[in-house]
Amino acid sequence: MRADQATSSSSPQSASGMTHDEIVAFFQRRQGLFDDFDAIGLAADYADDVVVESPMAGAHAGRAAAEKVWRATFEGFLDIKMTTDALLVDGDRVAHFVTAEGTHMSDFMGMPASHKPFRLPVAFLYELKDRKIVHERRIYDFTGLLVQIGLLKAKPV
């Protein structure tokens, strides 16, 4: 991540128990875990009672549920990659804007692989406490994803 991609308010530490620089390093480390398709490592960053909201998986609670969703993502899109566009840090709240892209290469939501690619802007909104993620909201165009990978048909305008 480039230095100009992370911005912050001036608060040195908050409920997260981390400084701005530690939060940036936390998300850089998570990028490496994502690049390695490490669902267990990603899940370890969540609090036991985390709540994750996602267009694909709905709302789910707990570290095990978060790991299950990451695993399903990695299994459905074997070549998925995520590139950081911006990381905004404000105390214990973080907005992580990324571009996700990959190919539907395996069963996903009960549908066989279409082998079609997708490219999708995604926003992750996080709340941190005690060096863990306690809340995560994923925002992306789920319908657009389904159209791109051929699981949903759309009429041209």
C-alpha atoms as a PDB file:
ATOM      1  CA  MET A   1       0.000   0.000   0.000  1.00  0.00           C
ATOM      2  CA  ARG A   2       1.306   3.455  -0.869  1.00  0.00           C
ATOM      3  CA  ALA A   3       1.796   5.944   1.948  1.00  0.00           C
ATOM      4  CA  ASP A   4      -0.839   8.267   0.471  1.00  0.00           C
ATOM      5  CA  GLN A   5      -3.486   5.550   0.629  1.00  0.00           C
ATOM      6  CA  ALA A   6      -3.836   5.618   4.428  1.00  0.00           C
ATOM      7  CA  THR A   7      -5.329   8.648   6.106  1.00  0.00           C
ATOM      8  CA  SER A   8      -6.268   9.257   9.691  1.00  0.00           C
ATOM      9  CA  SER A   9      -7.721  11.540  12.290  1.00  0.00           C
ATOM     10  CA  SER A  10      -5.201  12.693  14.864  1.00  0.00           C
ATOM     11  CA  SER A  11      -6.292  10.398  17.726  1.00  0.00           C
ATOM     12  CA  PRO A  12      -3.291   8.271  18.729  1.00  0.00           C
ATOM     13  CA  GLN A  13      -5.143   5.321  20.294  1.00  0.00           C
ATOM     14  CA  SER A  14      -8.738   4.388  20.974  1.00  0.00           C
ATOM     15  CA  ALA A  15     -10.832   1.344  21.858  1.00  0.00           C
ATOM     16  CA  SER A  16      -8.849  -0.643  19.313  1.00  0.00           C
ATOM     17  CA  GLY A  17      -5.783  -0.439  21.549  1.00  0.00           C
ATOM     18  CA  MET A  18      -3.738   0.384  18.443  1.00  0.00           C
ATOM     19  CA  THR A  19      -2.135   3.483  17.013  1.00  0.00           C
ATOM     20  CA  HIS A  20      -2.837   4.572  13.458  1.00  0.00           C
ATOM     21  CA  ASP A  21       0.398   2.962  12.251  1.00  0.00           C
ATOM     22  CA  GLU A  22      -0.443  -0.319  14.020  1.00  0.00           C
ATOM     23  CA  ILE A  23      -3.879  -0.365  12.377  1.00  0.00           C
ATOM     24  CA  VAL A  24      -2.332   0.194   8.939  1.00  0.00           C
ATOM     25  CA  ALA A  25       0.141  -2.652   9.634  1.00  0.00           C
ATOM     26  CA  PHE A  26      -2.771  -4.850  10.818  1.00  0.00           C
ATOM     27  CA  PHE A  27      -4.546  -4.414   7.480  1.00  0.00           C
ATOM     28  CA  GLN A  28      -1.342  -4.884   5.484  1.00  0.00           C
ATOM     29  CA  ARG A  29      -0.860  -8.198   7.313  1.00  0.00           C
ATOM     30  CA  ARG A  30      -4.472  -9.141   6.545  1.00  0.00           C
ATOM     31  CA  GLN A  31      -3.764  -8.454   2.856  1.00  0.00           C
ATOM     32  CA  GLY A  32      -1.006 -11.075   2.997  1.00  0.00           C
ATOM     33  CA  LEU A  33      -3.392 -13.561   4.626  1.00  0.00           C
ATOM     34  CA  PHE A  34      -5.955 -12.883   1.892  1.00  0.00           C
ATOM     35  CA  ASP A  35      -3.291 -13.325  -0.795  1.00  0.00           C
ATOM     36  CA  ASP A  36      -2.449 -16.706   0.778  1.00  0.00           C
ATOM     37  CA  PHE A  37      -6.149 -17.738   0.922  1.00  0.00           C
ATOM     38  CA  ASP A  38      -5.724 -18.148   4.691  1.00  0.00           C
ATOM     39  CA  ALA A  39      -9.280 -18.265   6.056  1.00  0.00           C
ATOM     40  CA  ILE A  40      -8.042 -19.392   9.486  1.00  0.00           C
ATOM     41  CA  GLY A  41      -5.561 -16.515   9.722  1.00  0.00           C
ATOM     42  CA  LEU A  42      -8.168 -13.966   8.631  1.00  0.00           C
ATOM     43  CA  ALA A  43     -10.677 -15.352  11.151  1.00  0.00           C
ATOM     44  CA  ALA A  44      -8.124 -15.091  13.969  1.00  0.00           C
ATOM     45  CA  ASP A  45      -8.336 -11.287  13.676  1.00  0.00           C
ATOM     46  CA  TYR A  46     -12.016 -11.327  14.666  1.00  0.00           C
ATOM     47  CA  ALA A  47     -13.335 -11.065  18.222  1.00  0.00           C
ATOM     48  CA  ASP A  48     -15.174 -14.150  19.474  1.00  0.00           C
ATOM     49  CA  ASP A  49     -18.489 -12.289  19.191  1.00  0.00           C
ATOM     50  CA  VAL A  50     -17.801 -10.463  15.913  1.00  0.00           C
ATOM     51  CA  VAL A  51     -20.753  -9.570  13.699  1.00  0.00           C
ATOM     52  CA  VAL A  52     -20.134  -9.625   9.942  1.00  0.00           C
ATOM     53  CA  GLU A  53     -22.699  -8.296   7.487  1.00  0.00           C
ATOM     54  CA  SER A  54     -22.371  -9.282   3.843  1.00  0.00           C
ATOM     55  CA  PRO A  55     -24.625  -9.158   0.773  1.00  0.00           C
ATOM     56  CA  MET A  56     -23.601 -12.739  -0.075  1.00  0.00           C
ATOM     57  CA  ALA A  57     -23.605 -14.380   3.370  1.00  0.00           C
ATOM     58  CA  GLY A  58     -26.072 -12.175   5.224  1.00  0.00           C
ATOM     59  CA  ALA A  59     -25.377 -11.319   8.857  1.00  0.00           C
ATOM     60  CA  HIS A  60     -23.423 -13.863  10.827  1.00  0.00           C
ATOM     61  CA  ALA A  61     -21.800 -13.859  14.225  1.00  0.00           C
ATOM     62  CA  GLY A  62     -18.664 -15.409  15.622  1.00  0.00           C
ATOM     63  CA  ARG A  63     -15.182 -16.209  14.439  1.00  0.00           C
ATOM     64  CA  ALA A  64     -16.116 -19.689  13.120  1.00  0.00           C
ATOM     65  CA  ALA A  65     -18.865 -18.255  10.908  1.00  0.00           C
ATOM     66  CA  ALA A  66     -16.472 -15.613   9.551  1.00  0.00           C
ATOM     67  CA  GLU A  67     -13.927 -18.323   8.724  1.00  0.00           C
ATOM     68  CA  LYS A  68     -16.620 -20.377   6.942  1.00  0.00           C
ATOM     69  CA  VAL A  69     -17.555 -17.399   4.726  1.00  0.00           C
ATOM     70  CA  TRP A  70     -13.899 -16.670   3.850  1.00  0.00           C
ATOM     71  CA  ARG A  71     -13.401 -20.359   3.022  1.00  0.00           C
ATOM     72  CA  ALA A  72     -16.488 -20.412   0.749  1.00  0.00           C
ATOM     73  CA  THR A  73     -15.208 -17.306  -1.054  1.00  0.00           C
ATOM     74  CA  PHE A  74     -11.779 -18.849  -1.639  1.00  0.00           C
ATOM     75  CA  GLU A  75     -13.305 -22.158  -2.787  1.00  0.00           C
ATOM     76  CA  GLY A  76     -15.707 -20.522  -5.259  1.00  0.00           C
ATOM     77  CA  PHE A  77     -13.118 -18.154  -6.708  1.00  0.00           C
ATOM     78  CA  LEU A  78      -9.820 -20.013  -6.731  1.00  0.00           C
ATOM     79  CA  ASP A  79      -7.920 -17.091  -8.282  1.00  0.00           C
ATOM     80  CA  ILE A  80      -9.546 -14.220  -6.379  1.00  0.00           C
ATOM     81  CA  LYS A  81      -7.357 -11.244  -5.647  1.00  0.00           C
ATOM     82  CA  MET A  82      -8.052  -8.056  -3.793  1.00  0.00           C
ATOM     83  CA  THR A  83      -6.200  -4.789  -4.382  1.00  0.00           C
ATOM     84  CA  THR A  84      -6.390  -1.942  -1.880  1.00  0.00           C
ATOM     85  CA  ASP A  85      -7.625   1.325  -3.360  1.00  0.00           C
ATOM     86  CA  ALA A  86      -7.732   3.249  -0.054  1.00  0.00           C
ATOM     87  CA  LEU A  87      -7.554   2.611   3.676  1.00  0.00           C
ATOM     88  CA  LEU A  88      -9.138   5.274   5.870  1.00  0.00           C
ATOM     89  CA  VAL A  89      -8.531   5.112   9.617  1.00  0.00           C
ATOM     90  CA  ASP A  90     -10.510   7.166  12.128  1.00  0.00           C
ATOM     91  CA  GLY A  91      -9.791   6.054  15.692  1.00  0.00           C
ATOM     92  CA  ASP A  92     -11.247   2.556  16.026  1.00  0.00           C
ATOM     93  CA  ARG A  93     -13.137   2.699  12.719  1.00  0.00           C
ATOM     94  CA  VAL A  94     -11.626   1.721   9.395  1.00  0.00           C
ATOM     95  CA  ALA A  95     -12.936   1.940   5.837  1.00  0.00           C
ATOM     96  CA  HIS A  96     -11.060  -0.340   3.449  1.00  0.00           C
ATOM     97  CA  PHE A  97     -11.852   0.204  -0.230  1.00  0.00           C
ATOM     98  CA  VAL A  98     -10.673  -2.533  -2.562  1.00  0.00           C
ATOM     99  CA  THR A  99     -11.096  -3.919  -6.050  1.00  0.00           C
ATOM    100  CA  ALA A 100     -11.811  -7.645  -6.049  1.00  0.00           C
ATOM    101  CA  GLU A 101     -11.385  -9.712  -9.183  1.00  0.00           C
ATOM    102  CA  GLY A 102     -11.264 -13.343 -10.117  1.00  0.00           C
ATOM    103  CA  THR A 103     -12.987 -16.142 -11.968  1.00  0.00           C
ATOM    104  CA  HIS A 104     -15.926 -18.347 -10.960  1.00  0.00           C
ATOM    105  CA  MET A 105     -13.895 -21.580 -11.053  1.00  0.00           C
ATOM    106  CA  SER A 106     -15.776 -23.858  -8.630  1.00  0.00           C
ATOM    107  CA  ASP A 107     -19.237 -24.383  -7.160  1.00  0.00           C
ATOM    108  CA  PHE A 108     -20.633 -21.183  -5.707  1.00  0.00           C
ATOM    109  CA  MET A 109     -24.022 -20.923  -4.017  1.00  0.00           C
ATOM    110  CA  GLY A 110     -24.871 -24.353  -5.396  1.00  0.00           C
ATOM    111  CA  MET A 111     -24.107 -23.326  -8.973  1.00  0.00           C
ATOM    112  CA  PRO A 112     -21.430 -25.052 -11.028  1.00  0.00           C
ATOM    113  CA  ALA A 113     -18.435 -23.063 -12.229  1.00  0.00           C
ATOM    114  CA  SER A 114     -19.130 -20.701 -15.124  1.00  0.00           C
ATOM    115  CA  HIS A 115     -15.424 -19.898 -15.670  1.00  0.00           C
ATOM    116  CA  LYS A 116     -16.441 -16.256 -16.175  1.00  0.00           C
ATOM    117  CA  PRO A 117     -14.396 -13.424 -14.659  1.00  0.00           C
ATOM    118  CA  PHE A 118     -15.578 -10.629 -12.418  1.00  0.00           C
ATOM    119  CA  ARG A 119     -14.221  -7.274 -11.277  1.00  0.00           C
ATOM    120  CA  LEU A 120     -15.951  -5.534  -8.412  1.00  0.00           C
ATOM    121  CA  PRO A 121     -15.378  -2.512  -6.165  1.00  0.00           C
ATOM    122  CA  VAL A 122     -15.867  -3.453  -2.489  1.00  0.00           C
ATOM    123  CA  ALA A 123     -15.987  -1.426   0.711  1.00  0.00           C
ATOM    124  CA  PHE A 124     -15.261  -3.050   4.065  1.00  0.00           C
ATOM    125  CA  LEU A 125     -16.271  -1.012   7.119  1.00  0.00           C
ATOM    126  CA  TYR A 126     -14.686  -2.161  10.381  1.00  0.00           C
ATOM    127  CA  GLU A 127     -14.949  -1.438  14.083  1.00  0.00           C
ATOM    128  CA  LEU A 128     -11.941  -2.472  16.152  1.00  0.00           C
ATOM    129  CA  LYS A 129     -11.667  -3.141  19.874  1.00  0.00           C
ATOM    130  CA  ASP A 130      -8.847  -4.702  21.880  1.00  0.00           C
ATOM    131  CA  ARG A 131      -6.811  -5.378  18.709  1.00  0.00           C
ATOM    132  CA  LYS A 132      -9.656  -7.388  17.132  1.00  0.00           C
ATOM    133  CA  ILE A 133     -12.397  -6.752  14.596  1.00  0.00           C
ATOM    134  CA  VAL A 134     -15.723  -6.584  16.447  1.00  0.00           C
ATOM    135  CA  HIS A 135     -17.897  -5.550  13.499  1.00  0.00           C
ATOM    136  CA  GLU A 136     -17.472  -5.757   9.741  1.00  0.00           C
ATOM    137  CA  ARG A 137     -19.834  -4.600   7.024  1.00  0.00           C
ATOM    138  CA  ARG A 138     -19.107  -5.546   3.416  1.00  0.00           C
ATOM    139  CA  ILE A 139     -20.662  -3.368   0.728  1.00  0.00           C
ATOM    140  CA  TYR A 140     -20.658  -4.405  -2.920  1.00  0.00           C
ATOM    141  CA  ASP A 141     -22.967  -4.945  -5.876  1.00  0.00           C
ATOM    142  CA  PHE A 142     -23.944  -8.581  -5.335  1.00  0.00           C
ATOM    143  CA  THR A 143     -26.380  -8.559  -8.265  1.00  0.00           C
ATOM    144  CA  GLY A 144     -23.622  -7.178 -10.506  1.00  0.00           C
ATOM    145  CA  LEU A 145     -21.332 -10.006  -9.377  1.00  0.00           C
ATOM    146  CA  LEU A 146     -23.961 -12.617 -10.266  1.00  0.00           C
ATOM    147  CA  VAL A 147     -24.461 -11.026 -13.696  1.00  0.00           C
ATOM    148  CA  GLN A 148     -20.707 -10.904 -14.377  1.00  0.00           C
ATOM    149  CA  ILE A 149     -20.208 -14.589 -13.543  1.00  0.00           C
ATOM    150  CA  GLY A 150     -23.283 -15.624 -15.525  1.00  0.00           C
ATOM    151  CA  LEU A 151     -25.514 -16.807 -12.660  1.00  0.00           C
ATOM    152  CA  LEU A 152     -28.067 -14.079 -13.348  1.00  0.00           C
ATOM    153  CA  LYS A 153     -29.177 -12.710 -16.689  1.00  0.00           C
ATOM    154  CA  ALA A 154     -29.760  -9.021 -17.216  1.00  0.00           C
ATOM    155  CA  LYS A 155     -31.453  -7.338 -20.164  1.00  0.00           C
ATOM    156  CA  PRO A 156     -29.316  -4.754 -21.911  1.00  0.00           C
ATOM    157  CA  VAL A 157     -30.750  -1.253 -21.729  1.00  0.00           C
END
